[in-house]
Amino acid sequence: MLLGFIQIAIVLALLVAITPLLGGYMARVFLGQRTFLDPVITPLERLIYALSGVRQSSMTGWQYIRAIIFSNLIMGGFVFLVFMFQGILPLNPTGLNAPSWDLALHTAISFVTNTNQQHYSGETTYSYFSQMLALGFLMFISAGTGIAVAIAFIRGLTGRDLGNFYVDLTQSITRILLPISLVGAVVLLAAGIPETLAGPATAQTLEGATQYIARGPVAHFEIIKELGENGGGFFGINSAHPFENPNNFTNLLETVIMMAIPASLIYTYGVIAGNTKQAWLLFWMVFVIFVALIAVAAIGEYQGNPIVNSILGTNAPNLEGKEVRFGAFLTALWAVATTGTMCGAVNGMHDSLMPNGGMVTMFNMFLQIVWGGQGTGTAYLFIFLILTVFLTGLMVGRTPEFLGRKIEKGEIVFASVILLVHPIMILIPGAIVMAFPETLSGISNPGFHGYSQVIYEYASAAANNGSGFEGLGDGSVWWNLSTSVALIAGRYLPLIALLLLAEGMAHKQPVPETTGTLRTDTGMFTGITAGVILILGALTFLPVFALGPIAEAFQIARIASGAA
């Protein structure tokens, strides 16, 4: 147990060390300050702008929104066509045909929204061309879009123009995602992850049978999968596969890298706003929640299943659904990190987590701020800050202010939209499925756990996470189309509201600070913010927890006591 906590502590220490370095670098990039990559990247960006004809002038909120939607629509449509013509395109050594139209549509939407929810097994469904050039392309674009929105939102909050989407997207890729991915891919390749265009390897088993071992250009795919919080695996079992995550070193690197950008963006805000004190307070608030959730999940997996323990006559870790090279602790850490960051990659099957682990993963996707989606998690964190300012302002009878600008009706309406879209896109379709469980659900484990399977799938789609309990038969037309609706609504409706809110804040006249101004960079205010976050999350989804993991935990305890 001690060794497991030491491994977790190492990951957390690396995250704390990386945050000011990467966060400060990203702030310099988007403030237009000089960085060490300028001699190489600046000429490349000038060429991109010249060839594309991009105007670098600042956009209004609606111009920024239209640029996101139109560009994402075109790129998503292109990838959908690649899937449908996969059978005649190159780099298809196993001769895979096109998937069904509904699966191709779901996959294209899933990857363009930075979700990467997979209702397929990668090595048997999509060719190297589809995975490397179509899905890999969207991994950079979708992650860059999230970063661009976060930066535009921060600019608006601090009274600046929103900026230009195409410039922000280009800089997100050329100065952040691509350089780190190039270095990371080489490191992963050296650590044992394959990178080849050759077809499956052939091996003779001890029994004399022929076995075909899938492989492919995995290393470069894996690094952007984690760095961009994409999460879509090259292979069906994702980062539990030894070709995606072969050893403890790659597991450490991939765990840290998936949290690096969302955690660092909090510090980036502090630099741009000129208030790193508030940034650190917010960072430590999220960090404490994150550590608490890790402890809940890790202890639950270490204690194991009471039913199994009663049969064994001793306590044993829950290793069902785990890779033995990682064990219970590192699987629990990964599960909390991947659902906290909206990455969605898995190194073990979440369907096998104990109820408290399953509850933690769903709780992360319900909140979306620990550490949250690529860029959007930082923005959602400030939505909670704005709500906290509003609530505390009501308590003292003063017009709430944030960063020297008044919080009024418009800001609260947009904040409410952002927070309400999420439960609507989870609870309503979840209720429809549970009303027709035999025809729609695909539940593999009836009862309380089956309910969690359904809610988890929609939470994963609406939060743009992409992971799944993996016990659900989600390859049907119903699941492909219904989760596609949740993917689109969960991605674009909040982005629209975020950008319009930011534009409204940018146009407000600054209010001079007085002795009555509520300071938001104090420990007390940060603590109140944490309370608001946890209370809203708990109250919104408490019935889900009661009908799912909490009821399942009581059921397991009752069966275990009877077996004993």
Protein backbone atom coordinates (compact mmCIF):
# COMPACT_ATOMS: atom_id res chain seq x y z
CA MET A 1 0.00 0.00 0.00
CA LEU A 2 2.83 2.38 0.90
CA LEU A 3 4.52 1.76 -2.46
CA GLY A 4 1.29 2.58 -4.26
CA PHE A 5 0.95 5.91 -2.48
CA ILE A 6 4.61 6.70 -3.20
CA GLN A 7 4.00 6.12 -6.92
CA ILE A 8 0.98 8.42 -6.78
CA ALA A 9 3.00 11.06 -4.89
CA ILE A 10 5.68 11.04 -7.61
CA VAL A 11 3.08 11.75 -10.30
CA LEU A 12 1.57 14.58 -8.25
CA ALA A 13 4.98 16.12 -7.55
CA LEU A 14 5.84 16.11 -11.25
CA LEU A 15 2.53 17.80 -12.02
CA VAL A 16 3.21 20.58 -9.50
CA ALA A 17 6.70 21.11 -10.93
CA ILE A 18 5.49 21.26 -14.55
CA THR A 19 2.60 23.68 -13.97
CA PRO A 20 4.48 27.02 -13.65
CA LEU A 21 6.93 26.09 -16.41
CA LEU A 22 4.39 25.08 -19.03
CA GLY A 23 1.81 27.60 -17.80
CA GLY A 24 4.28 30.45 -18.02
CA TYR A 25 5.38 29.35 -21.49
CA MET A 26 1.78 29.24 -22.77
CA ALA A 27 1.15 32.71 -21.34
CA ARG A 28 4.15 34.08 -23.24
CA VAL A 29 2.93 32.44 -26.44
CA PHE A 30 -0.52 34.00 -26.30
CA LEU A 31 0.71 37.36 -25.00
CA GLY A 32 2.90 37.57 -28.10
CA GLN A 33 6.12 37.55 -26.10
CA ARG A 34 9.36 35.99 -27.26
CA THR A 35 9.93 32.28 -26.69
CA PHE A 36 12.83 29.96 -27.44
CA LEU A 37 10.94 28.40 -30.38
CA ASP A 38 10.48 31.69 -32.25
CA PRO A 39 13.39 31.26 -34.72
CA VAL A 40 11.88 27.99 -35.96
CA ILE A 41 8.15 28.49 -35.52
CA THR A 42 7.64 32.13 -36.55
CA PRO A 43 8.65 31.58 -40.22
CA LEU A 44 6.45 28.46 -40.33
CA GLU A 45 3.44 30.38 -38.99
CA ARG A 46 3.98 33.21 -41.49
CA LEU A 47 3.94 30.63 -44.28
CA ILE A 48 0.73 29.07 -42.92
CA TYR A 49 -1.00 32.46 -42.71
CA ALA A 50 0.16 33.42 -46.21
CA LEU A 51 -0.99 30.17 -47.82
CA SER A 52 -4.31 30.07 -45.98
CA GLY A 53 -5.10 33.76 -46.37
CA VAL A 54 -5.90 34.12 -42.67
CA ARG A 55 -6.59 37.64 -41.50
CA GLN A 56 -4.97 38.06 -38.12
CA SER A 57 -7.29 40.79 -36.83
CA SER A 58 -9.25 40.23 -33.62
CA MET A 59 -12.71 38.68 -33.90
CA THR A 60 -15.99 39.41 -32.18
CA GLY A 61 -17.64 36.70 -30.15
CA TRP A 62 -19.90 35.52 -32.97
CA GLN A 63 -17.06 35.65 -35.50
CA TYR A 64 -14.98 33.45 -33.20
CA ILE A 65 -17.91 31.06 -32.76
CA ARG A 66 -18.60 30.83 -36.50
CA ALA A 67 -14.93 30.16 -37.20
CA ILE A 68 -14.96 27.25 -34.72
CA ILE A 69 -18.20 25.72 -36.00
CA PHE A 70 -17.45 26.07 -39.72
CA SER A 71 -13.89 24.78 -39.45
CA ASN A 72 -14.93 21.85 -37.25
CA LEU A 73 -17.83 21.03 -39.58
CA ILE A 74 -15.60 20.94 -42.66
CA MET A 75 -12.89 18.87 -40.97
CA GLY A 76 -15.38 16.47 -39.42
CA GLY A 77 -17.06 16.00 -42.80
CA PHE A 78 -13.71 15.31 -44.44
CA VAL A 79 -12.88 12.61 -41.88
CA PHE A 80 -16.34 11.03 -42.28
CA LEU A 81 -15.68 10.70 -46.02
CA VAL A 82 -12.28 9.14 -45.32
CA PHE A 83 -14.01 6.48 -43.22
CA MET A 84 -16.64 5.77 -45.86
CA PHE A 85 -14.00 5.33 -48.60
CA GLN A 86 -11.52 3.55 -46.34
CA GLY A 87 -11.65 0.35 -48.39
CA ILE A 88 -10.11 1.98 -51.47
CA LEU A 89 -7.65 4.28 -49.71
CA PRO A 90 -3.97 3.40 -49.10
CA LEU A 91 -2.26 2.27 -45.86
CA ASN A 92 -4.78 -0.50 -45.28
CA PRO A 93 -2.62 -3.64 -44.90
CA THR A 94 -5.45 -5.80 -43.53
CA GLY A 95 -7.96 -4.78 -46.20
CA LEU A 96 -10.56 -3.29 -43.85
CA ASN A 97 -13.82 -2.15 -45.45
CA ALA A 98 -15.77 0.98 -44.52
CA PRO A 99 -17.61 0.89 -41.18
CA SER A 100 -21.37 1.41 -40.97
CA TRP A 101 -22.51 4.98 -41.64
CA ASP A 102 -23.73 5.51 -38.08
CA LEU A 103 -20.43 4.32 -36.57
CA ALA A 104 -18.45 6.49 -39.02
CA LEU A 105 -20.61 9.49 -38.14
CA HIS A 106 -20.27 8.90 -34.40
CA THR A 107 -16.49 8.49 -34.68
CA ALA A 108 -16.05 11.66 -36.73
CA ILE A 109 -18.19 13.71 -34.33
CA SER A 110 -16.50 12.14 -31.34
CA PHE A 111 -12.99 13.03 -32.48
CA VAL A 112 -13.76 16.52 -33.77
CA THR A 113 -15.29 17.37 -30.38
CA ASN A 114 -12.16 16.23 -28.51
CA THR A 115 -14.13 13.33 -27.00
CA ASN A 116 -12.81 10.25 -28.83
CA GLN A 117 -15.59 8.04 -27.55
CA GLN A 118 -15.04 4.72 -29.30
CA HIS A 119 -17.81 2.28 -30.13
CA TYR A 120 -15.34 0.11 -32.03
CA SER A 121 -12.03 -1.70 -31.67
CA GLY A 122 -9.40 0.34 -33.48
CA GLU A 123 -7.20 -2.42 -34.89
CA THR A 124 -10.13 -4.27 -36.49
CA THR A 125 -12.22 -1.30 -37.69
CA TYR A 126 -10.04 1.51 -39.03
CA SER A 127 -7.00 1.36 -41.32
CA TYR A 128 -3.64 3.02 -40.71
CA PHE A 129 -4.75 5.81 -43.06
CA SER A 130 -7.94 6.40 -41.09
CA GLN A 131 -6.24 6.28 -37.70
CA MET A 132 -3.02 8.12 -38.52
CA LEU A 133 -4.11 10.77 -41.04
CA ALA A 134 -7.78 11.26 -40.16
CA LEU A 135 -8.12 10.63 -36.43
CA GLY A 136 -4.59 11.85 -35.65
CA PHE A 137 -5.33 15.04 -37.58
CA LEU A 138 -8.51 15.66 -35.55
CA MET A 139 -6.64 15.02 -32.30
CA PHE A 140 -4.49 18.10 -32.94
CA ILE A 141 -7.36 20.23 -34.24
CA SER A 142 -9.81 19.43 -31.45
CA ALA A 143 -7.22 19.92 -28.70
CA GLY A 144 -6.05 23.16 -30.29
CA THR A 145 -9.65 24.37 -30.49
CA GLY A 146 -10.10 23.81 -26.74
CA ILE A 147 -6.93 25.73 -25.91
CA ALA A 148 -7.96 28.57 -28.24
CA VAL A 149 -11.36 28.90 -26.54
CA ALA A 150 -9.73 28.94 -23.08
CA ILE A 151 -7.33 31.71 -24.13
CA ALA A 152 -10.13 33.75 -25.75
CA PHE A 153 -12.19 33.35 -22.58
CA ILE A 154 -9.30 34.47 -20.37
CA ARG A 155 -8.69 37.48 -22.62
CA GLY A 156 -12.33 38.50 -22.33
CA LEU A 157 -12.37 38.14 -18.55
CA THR A 158 -9.30 40.38 -18.28
CA GLY A 159 -10.73 43.10 -20.54
CA ARG A 160 -8.87 42.24 -23.74
CA ASP A 161 -10.20 41.52 -27.22
CA LEU A 162 -10.98 37.84 -27.77
CA GLY A 163 -8.31 37.44 -30.45
CA ASN A 164 -8.43 35.48 -33.70
CA PHE A 165 -9.47 31.83 -33.66
CA TYR A 166 -7.29 30.79 -36.59
CA VAL A 167 -4.22 32.42 -35.08
CA ASP A 168 -4.93 30.91 -31.65
CA LEU A 169 -5.52 27.47 -33.19
CA THR A 170 -2.33 27.68 -35.24
CA GLN A 171 -0.23 28.75 -32.26
CA SER A 172 -1.79 26.07 -30.04
CA ILE A 173 -0.60 23.43 -32.50
CA THR A 174 2.73 24.84 -33.71
CA ARG A 175 4.01 26.11 -30.36
CA ILE A 176 2.48 23.72 -27.81
CA LEU A 177 0.96 20.48 -29.10
CA LEU A 178 3.31 19.69 -31.98
CA PRO A 179 6.69 20.34 -30.28
CA ILE A 180 5.77 18.34 -27.17
CA SER A 181 4.30 15.55 -29.32
CA LEU A 182 7.45 15.27 -31.45
CA VAL A 183 9.67 14.89 -28.39
CA GLY A 184 7.16 12.67 -26.58
CA ALA A 185 6.72 10.33 -29.54
CA VAL A 186 10.48 9.75 -29.71
CA VAL A 187 10.57 9.04 -25.97
CA LEU A 188 7.66 6.59 -26.22
CA LEU A 189 9.28 4.92 -29.22
CA ALA A 190 12.49 4.46 -27.22
CA ALA A 191 10.42 3.07 -24.32
CA GLY A 192 9.01 0.27 -26.44
CA ILE A 193 5.92 1.58 -28.24
CA PRO A 194 5.91 0.60 -31.95
CA GLU A 195 5.84 3.04 -34.87
CA THR A 196 5.53 1.12 -38.13
CA LEU A 197 3.47 0.98 -41.31
CA ALA A 198 3.99 -2.77 -41.62
CA GLY A 199 0.97 -5.04 -41.33
CA PRO A 200 0.25 -7.37 -38.42
CA ALA A 201 3.12 -9.56 -37.25
CA THR A 202 2.76 -13.32 -37.61
CA ALA A 203 3.79 -15.71 -34.84
CA GLN A 204 3.56 -19.43 -34.20
CA THR A 205 2.14 -20.37 -30.81
CA LEU A 206 3.44 -23.25 -28.68
CA GLU A 207 0.42 -25.27 -29.81
CA GLY A 208 1.42 -24.78 -33.44
CA ALA A 209 -1.34 -22.32 -34.32
CA THR A 210 -0.75 -19.10 -36.25
CA GLN A 211 -1.33 -15.86 -34.36
CA TYR A 212 -1.61 -12.40 -35.94
CA ILE A 213 -0.42 -9.53 -33.72
CA ALA A 214 -1.80 -6.10 -34.58
CA ARG A 215 0.65 -3.20 -34.66
CA GLY A 216 0.98 0.12 -36.48
CA PRO A 217 2.13 3.75 -36.17
CA VAL A 218 1.27 3.88 -32.46
CA ALA A 219 3.93 6.06 -30.76
CA HIS A 220 3.01 9.38 -32.39
CA PHE A 221 -0.70 8.55 -32.00
CA GLU A 222 -0.29 7.78 -28.29
CA ILE A 223 1.43 11.02 -27.31
CA ILE A 224 -1.16 13.37 -28.81
CA LYS A 225 -3.86 11.08 -27.44
CA GLU A 226 -2.71 11.90 -23.91
CA LEU A 227 -1.33 15.43 -24.39
CA GLY A 228 -4.41 16.66 -26.22
CA GLU A 229 -6.78 14.91 -23.79
CA ASN A 230 -8.16 12.99 -26.73
CA GLY A 231 -8.11 9.50 -25.25
CA GLY A 232 -8.99 7.46 -28.33
CA GLY A 233 -6.89 4.30 -28.41
CA PHE A 234 -5.15 2.86 -31.46
CA PHE A 235 -6.13 -0.54 -30.06
CA GLY A 236 -9.44 -1.59 -28.59
CA ILE A 237 -8.22 -1.88 -25.01
CA ASN A 238 -6.53 1.53 -25.18
CA SER A 239 -3.63 2.16 -22.79
CA ALA A 240 -4.08 -1.23 -21.18
CA HIS A 241 -2.53 -2.62 -24.39
CA PRO A 242 1.23 -3.33 -24.08
CA PHE A 243 1.84 -1.60 -27.44
CA GLU A 244 0.28 1.63 -26.15
CA ASN A 245 1.56 1.48 -22.59
CA PRO A 246 4.17 -1.24 -22.11
CA ASN A 247 5.73 -0.46 -18.72
CA ASN A 248 5.69 1.70 -15.61
CA PHE A 249 7.80 4.42 -17.25
CA THR A 250 5.34 4.93 -20.10
CA ASN A 251 2.46 4.77 -17.62
CA LEU A 252 4.10 7.52 -15.53
CA LEU A 253 4.78 9.69 -18.57
CA GLU A 254 1.31 9.27 -20.03
CA THR A 255 -0.39 9.97 -16.69
CA VAL A 256 1.54 13.20 -16.19
CA ILE A 257 1.24 14.36 -19.79
CA MET A 258 -2.57 14.06 -19.84
CA MET A 259 -2.78 16.47 -16.87
CA ALA A 260 -0.02 18.87 -17.93
CA ILE A 261 -1.93 21.34 -20.12
CA PRO A 262 -5.22 21.64 -18.16
CA ALA A 263 -3.36 22.13 -14.87
CA SER A 264 -0.91 24.59 -16.43
CA LEU A 265 -3.67 26.68 -18.01
CA ILE A 266 -4.71 27.78 -14.53
CA TYR A 267 -1.27 29.32 -14.10
CA THR A 268 -1.48 30.76 -17.62
CA TYR A 269 -4.59 32.64 -16.50
CA GLY A 270 -2.70 34.05 -13.52
CA VAL A 271 0.09 35.39 -15.71
CA ILE A 272 -2.27 36.95 -18.27
CA ALA A 273 -4.46 38.45 -15.53
CA GLY A 274 -1.43 39.63 -13.57
CA ASN A 275 -2.57 37.71 -10.49
CA THR A 276 -0.57 34.53 -10.01
CA LYS A 277 -1.66 34.44 -6.37
CA GLN A 278 -5.23 33.70 -7.39
CA ALA A 279 -4.00 31.17 -9.94
CA TRP A 280 -2.09 29.25 -7.28
CA LEU A 281 -5.07 29.34 -4.91
CA LEU A 282 -7.29 27.87 -7.63
CA PHE A 283 -4.63 25.32 -8.54
CA TRP A 284 -4.34 24.10 -4.94
CA MET A 285 -8.12 24.01 -4.55
CA VAL A 286 -8.45 21.70 -7.56
CA PHE A 287 -5.36 19.76 -6.47
CA VAL A 288 -6.84 19.02 -3.03
CA ILE A 289 -10.13 17.81 -4.57
CA PHE A 290 -8.12 15.70 -7.03
CA VAL A 291 -6.02 14.09 -4.28
CA ALA A 292 -9.12 13.34 -2.20
CA LEU A 293 -10.77 11.61 -5.15
CA ILE A 294 -7.63 9.57 -5.83
CA ALA A 295 -7.59 8.45 -2.18
CA VAL A 296 -11.25 7.34 -2.35
CA ALA A 297 -10.70 5.34 -5.54
CA ALA A 298 -7.30 3.88 -4.59
CA ILE A 299 -8.32 2.74 -1.12
CA GLY A 300 -11.45 1.13 -2.52
CA GLU A 301 -9.44 -0.84 -5.09
CA TYR A 302 -6.82 -1.79 -2.48
CA GLN A 303 -9.44 -3.09 -0.05
CA GLY A 304 -10.94 -5.19 -2.82
CA ASN A 305 -14.32 -6.79 -3.29
CA PRO A 306 -15.93 -7.81 0.03
CA ILE A 307 -17.64 -10.76 -1.64
CA VAL A 308 -14.33 -12.14 -2.93
CA ASN A 309 -12.59 -11.35 0.36
CA SER A 310 -15.22 -13.25 2.33
CA ILE A 311 -14.58 -16.31 0.16
CA LEU A 312 -10.78 -15.99 0.41
CA GLY A 313 -10.89 -15.31 4.13
CA THR A 314 -8.53 -12.35 3.71
CA ASN A 315 -8.44 -8.91 2.08
CA ALA A 316 -7.02 -8.80 -1.45
CA PRO A 317 -6.80 -5.87 -3.92
CA ASN A 318 -9.38 -5.77 -6.65
CA LEU A 319 -7.31 -6.90 -9.66
CA GLU A 320 -10.23 -7.87 -11.87
CA GLY A 321 -10.03 -5.76 -15.04
CA LYS A 322 -6.53 -4.54 -14.16
CA GLU A 323 -3.20 -4.89 -15.92
CA VAL A 324 -0.88 -6.63 -13.43
CA ARG A 325 2.06 -4.47 -14.53
CA PHE A 326 0.20 -1.45 -13.07
CA GLY A 327 -1.86 -2.94 -10.25
CA ALA A 328 -4.71 -1.46 -8.25
CA PHE A 329 -3.13 1.87 -7.23
CA LEU A 330 -1.84 3.04 -10.60
CA THR A 331 -5.07 1.94 -12.27
CA ALA A 332 -7.07 3.97 -9.74
CA LEU A 333 -4.78 6.98 -10.26
CA TRP A 334 -5.18 6.74 -14.03
CA ALA A 335 -8.97 6.36 -13.75
CA VAL A 336 -9.27 9.54 -11.68
CA ALA A 337 -6.80 11.45 -13.88
CA THR A 338 -8.40 10.44 -17.18
CA THR A 339 -11.95 11.31 -16.08
CA GLY A 340 -10.77 14.43 -14.27
CA THR A 341 -8.98 15.80 -17.32
CA MET A 342 -11.62 14.61 -19.81
CA CYS A 343 -8.91 12.59 -21.55
CA GLY A 344 -10.83 9.33 -21.61
CA ALA A 345 -7.89 6.99 -22.11
CA VAL A 346 -7.93 3.90 -19.86
CA ASN A 347 -5.25 1.53 -18.57
CA GLY A 348 -7.82 -0.77 -16.95
CA MET A 349 -11.51 -1.48 -17.38
CA HIS A 350 -13.66 1.01 -15.47
CA ASP A 351 -16.49 -1.51 -15.51
CA SER A 352 -14.43 -3.50 -12.98
CA LEU A 353 -13.89 -0.63 -10.54
CA MET A 354 -15.42 -0.94 -7.09
CA PRO A 355 -18.51 1.27 -6.58
CA ASN A 356 -16.53 4.08 -4.94
CA GLY A 357 -14.10 4.12 -7.88
CA GLY A 358 -16.99 4.17 -10.34
CA MET A 359 -18.61 7.01 -8.39
CA VAL A 360 -15.39 9.05 -8.44
CA THR A 361 -15.00 8.71 -12.20
CA MET A 362 -18.59 9.82 -12.79
CA PHE A 363 -18.23 12.64 -10.27
CA ASN A 364 -15.24 13.96 -12.21
CA MET A 365 -17.24 14.03 -15.45
CA PHE A 366 -20.19 15.69 -13.72
CA LEU A 367 -18.00 18.54 -12.38
CA GLN A 368 -15.64 18.90 -15.41
CA ILE A 369 -13.11 21.04 -13.52
CA VAL A 370 -10.74 18.51 -11.88
CA TRP A 371 -8.74 19.30 -14.04
CA GLY A 372 -11.32 19.55 -16.75
CA GLY A 373 -11.31 19.33 -20.54
CA GLN A 374 -8.56 20.66 -22.79
CA GLY A 375 -8.99 24.39 -22.23
CA THR A 376 -12.68 24.14 -21.41
CA GLY A 377 -11.99 22.85 -17.90
CA THR A 378 -10.19 26.09 -17.04
CA ALA A 379 -13.10 28.08 -18.47
CA TYR A 380 -15.67 26.05 -16.49
CA LEU A 381 -13.63 26.67 -13.34
CA PHE A 382 -14.08 30.41 -13.83
CA ILE A 383 -17.79 29.93 -14.42
CA PHE A 384 -17.95 28.53 -10.89
CA LEU A 385 -15.91 31.52 -9.71
CA ILE A 386 -18.40 33.90 -11.31
CA LEU A 387 -21.31 32.06 -9.67
CA THR A 388 -19.54 32.21 -6.32
CA VAL A 389 -18.98 35.95 -6.71
CA PHE A 390 -22.66 36.34 -7.55
CA LEU A 391 -23.82 34.31 -4.56
CA THR A 392 -21.53 36.03 -2.08
CA GLY A 393 -22.55 39.40 -3.50
CA LEU A 394 -26.18 38.57 -2.84
CA MET A 395 -25.32 37.66 0.76
CA VAL A 396 -23.89 41.10 1.51
CA GLY A 397 -26.26 43.11 -0.68
CA ARG A 398 -23.59 44.35 -3.10
CA THR A 399 -23.41 44.14 -6.89
CA PRO A 400 -20.94 41.31 -7.51
CA GLU A 401 -17.69 42.10 -9.30
CA PHE A 402 -15.02 39.87 -10.84
CA LEU A 403 -11.66 41.17 -12.05
CA GLY A 404 -12.94 44.73 -11.71
CA ARG A 405 -16.08 44.14 -13.81
CA LYS A 406 -19.67 43.82 -12.62
CA ILE A 407 -21.40 40.46 -12.83
CA GLU A 408 -24.92 41.10 -14.08
CA LYS A 409 -27.91 39.24 -15.52
CA GLY A 410 -26.27 38.40 -18.85
CA GLU A 411 -23.27 36.71 -17.26
CA ILE A 412 -25.46 34.63 -14.93
CA VAL A 413 -27.70 33.54 -17.83
CA PHE A 414 -24.71 32.34 -19.85
CA ALA A 415 -23.20 30.65 -16.78
CA SER A 416 -26.49 28.86 -16.13
CA VAL A 417 -26.66 27.64 -19.73
CA ILE A 418 -23.13 26.25 -19.47
CA LEU A 419 -23.93 24.34 -16.28
CA LEU A 420 -27.42 23.14 -17.31
CA VAL A 421 -26.57 21.72 -20.73
CA HIS A 422 -24.52 19.00 -19.07
CA PRO A 423 -27.16 17.38 -16.82
CA ILE A 424 -29.82 17.74 -19.53
CA MET A 425 -27.72 15.79 -22.02
CA ILE A 426 -27.03 13.08 -19.43
CA LEU A 427 -30.25 12.61 -17.49
CA ILE A 428 -32.88 12.88 -20.25
CA PRO A 429 -31.38 10.34 -22.69
CA GLY A 430 -30.40 8.18 -19.70
CA ALA A 431 -34.04 8.12 -18.60
CA ILE A 432 -35.16 7.18 -22.12
CA VAL A 433 -32.77 4.23 -22.18
CA MET A 434 -33.88 3.00 -18.76
CA ALA A 435 -37.50 3.20 -19.90
CA PHE A 436 -36.71 0.69 -22.66
CA PRO A 437 -33.87 -1.37 -21.17
CA GLU A 438 -34.44 -4.51 -23.26
CA THR A 439 -34.42 -2.75 -26.64
CA LEU A 440 -32.03 0.17 -26.16
CA SER A 441 -29.65 -0.26 -23.25
CA GLY A 442 -27.21 -3.04 -24.11
CA ILE A 443 -26.59 -3.42 -20.38
CA SER A 444 -24.34 -6.38 -19.55
CA ASN A 445 -24.79 -6.26 -15.79
CA PRO A 446 -28.47 -5.70 -14.83
CA GLY A 447 -29.25 -3.84 -11.65
CA PHE A 448 -27.54 -0.88 -10.06
CA HIS A 449 -24.31 -1.40 -11.97
CA GLY A 450 -26.20 -1.47 -15.27
CA TYR A 451 -27.74 1.89 -14.40
CA SER A 452 -24.22 3.26 -13.85
CA GLN A 453 -23.15 1.88 -17.22
CA VAL A 454 -25.86 3.87 -19.00
CA ILE A 455 -25.33 7.13 -17.11
CA TYR A 456 -21.55 6.84 -17.47
CA GLU A 457 -21.86 6.56 -21.27
CA TYR A 458 -23.89 9.76 -21.58
CA ALA A 459 -21.75 11.57 -19.01
CA SER A 460 -18.67 10.59 -21.00
CA ALA A 461 -20.24 11.96 -24.21
CA ALA A 462 -21.63 15.18 -22.74
CA ALA A 463 -18.38 15.93 -20.87
CA ASN A 464 -16.33 15.20 -24.02
CA ASN A 465 -14.42 12.56 -22.06
CA GLY A 466 -14.83 9.45 -24.19
CA SER A 467 -14.08 6.68 -21.70
CA GLY A 468 -16.66 4.02 -20.97
CA PHE A 469 -17.51 1.37 -18.42
CA GLU A 470 -16.94 -0.98 -21.38
CA GLY A 471 -19.57 -3.43 -20.23
CA LEU A 472 -22.17 -1.72 -22.37
CA GLY A 473 -23.22 -2.93 -25.83
CA ASP A 474 -22.77 0.52 -27.32
CA GLY A 475 -22.19 -0.42 -30.97
CA SER A 476 -25.85 -0.05 -31.98
CA VAL A 477 -27.48 2.66 -34.09
CA TRP A 478 -29.24 4.01 -30.98
CA TRP A 479 -26.05 4.48 -29.03
CA ASN A 480 -24.12 5.90 -31.99
CA LEU A 481 -26.77 8.53 -32.76
CA SER A 482 -27.98 9.40 -29.25
CA THR A 483 -24.46 9.90 -27.92
CA SER A 484 -23.65 11.95 -31.05
CA VAL A 485 -26.33 14.43 -29.97
CA ALA A 486 -24.79 14.58 -26.49
CA LEU A 487 -21.32 15.02 -28.03
CA ILE A 488 -22.39 18.01 -30.12
CA ALA A 489 -24.49 19.70 -27.44
CA GLY A 490 -21.92 19.07 -24.71
CA ARG A 491 -19.17 20.61 -26.82
CA TYR A 492 -20.60 23.51 -28.78
CA LEU A 493 -23.42 24.97 -26.66
CA PRO A 494 -21.08 25.67 -23.71
CA LEU A 495 -18.40 27.03 -26.08
CA ILE A 496 -20.89 29.49 -27.55
CA ALA A 497 -22.01 30.64 -24.10
CA LEU A 498 -18.40 30.90 -22.87
CA LEU A 499 -17.33 33.14 -25.73
CA LEU A 500 -20.40 35.38 -25.52
CA LEU A 501 -19.91 35.72 -21.77
CA ALA A 502 -16.25 36.59 -22.28
CA GLU A 503 -17.09 39.18 -24.93
CA GLY A 504 -19.63 40.79 -22.60
CA MET A 505 -17.05 40.99 -19.82
CA ALA A 506 -14.47 42.50 -22.19
CA HIS A 507 -16.82 45.36 -23.10
CA LYS A 508 -17.67 46.28 -19.50
CA GLN A 509 -16.12 49.37 -17.99
CA PRO A 510 -13.73 48.54 -15.13
CA VAL A 511 -15.04 49.37 -11.66
CA PRO A 512 -12.54 51.00 -9.27
CA GLU A 513 -11.65 48.80 -6.32
CA THR A 514 -12.94 50.03 -2.95
CA THR A 515 -12.85 48.79 0.62
CA GLY A 516 -16.15 47.02 -0.05
CA THR A 517 -14.86 45.08 -3.05
CA LEU A 518 -14.87 41.33 -2.53
CA ARG A 519 -11.38 40.03 -3.20
CA THR A 520 -11.32 36.74 -5.07
CA ASP A 521 -7.65 35.96 -4.43
CA THR A 522 -8.02 34.94 -0.80
CA GLY A 523 -8.09 31.58 0.90
CA MET A 524 -11.59 32.21 2.27
CA PHE A 525 -13.10 32.98 -1.15
CA THR A 526 -11.34 29.97 -2.67
CA GLY A 527 -12.78 27.77 0.06
CA ILE A 528 -16.28 29.11 -0.62
CA THR A 529 -15.77 28.40 -4.33
CA ALA A 530 -14.84 24.80 -3.51
CA GLY A 531 -18.02 24.50 -1.46
CA VAL A 532 -20.17 25.86 -4.28
CA ILE A 533 -18.57 23.43 -6.76
CA LEU A 534 -19.09 20.38 -4.55
CA ILE A 535 -22.61 21.33 -3.47
CA LEU A 536 -23.79 22.01 -7.03
CA GLY A 537 -22.24 18.79 -8.25
CA ALA A 538 -23.67 16.75 -5.39
CA LEU A 539 -27.17 18.22 -5.56
CA THR A 540 -27.48 17.92 -9.34
CA PHE A 541 -26.44 14.30 -9.57
CA LEU A 542 -27.21 12.90 -6.09
CA PRO A 543 -30.10 10.73 -7.40
CA VAL A 544 -27.72 9.22 -9.97
CA PHE A 545 -25.24 8.28 -7.27
CA ALA A 546 -27.99 6.91 -5.05
CA LEU A 547 -29.41 4.66 -7.79
CA GLY A 548 -26.01 3.63 -9.12
CA PRO A 549 -22.73 3.23 -7.19
CA ILE A 550 -24.09 3.89 -3.68
CA ALA A 551 -26.85 1.29 -4.06
CA GLU A 552 -24.36 -1.12 -5.63
CA ALA A 553 -22.00 -0.69 -2.66
CA PHE A 554 -24.78 -1.57 -0.22
CA GLN A 555 -25.76 -4.55 -2.35
CA ILE A 556 -22.19 -5.89 -2.38
CA ALA A 557 -21.89 -5.39 1.39
CA ARG A 558 -25.17 -7.28 1.97
CA ILE A 559 -24.10 -10.20 -0.21
CA ALA A 560 -20.68 -10.30 1.44
CA SER A 561 -22.19 -10.36 4.93
CA GLY A 562 -24.48 -13.22 3.87
CA ALA A 563 -21.54 -15.16 2.39
CA ALA A 564 -19.56 -14.66 5.56
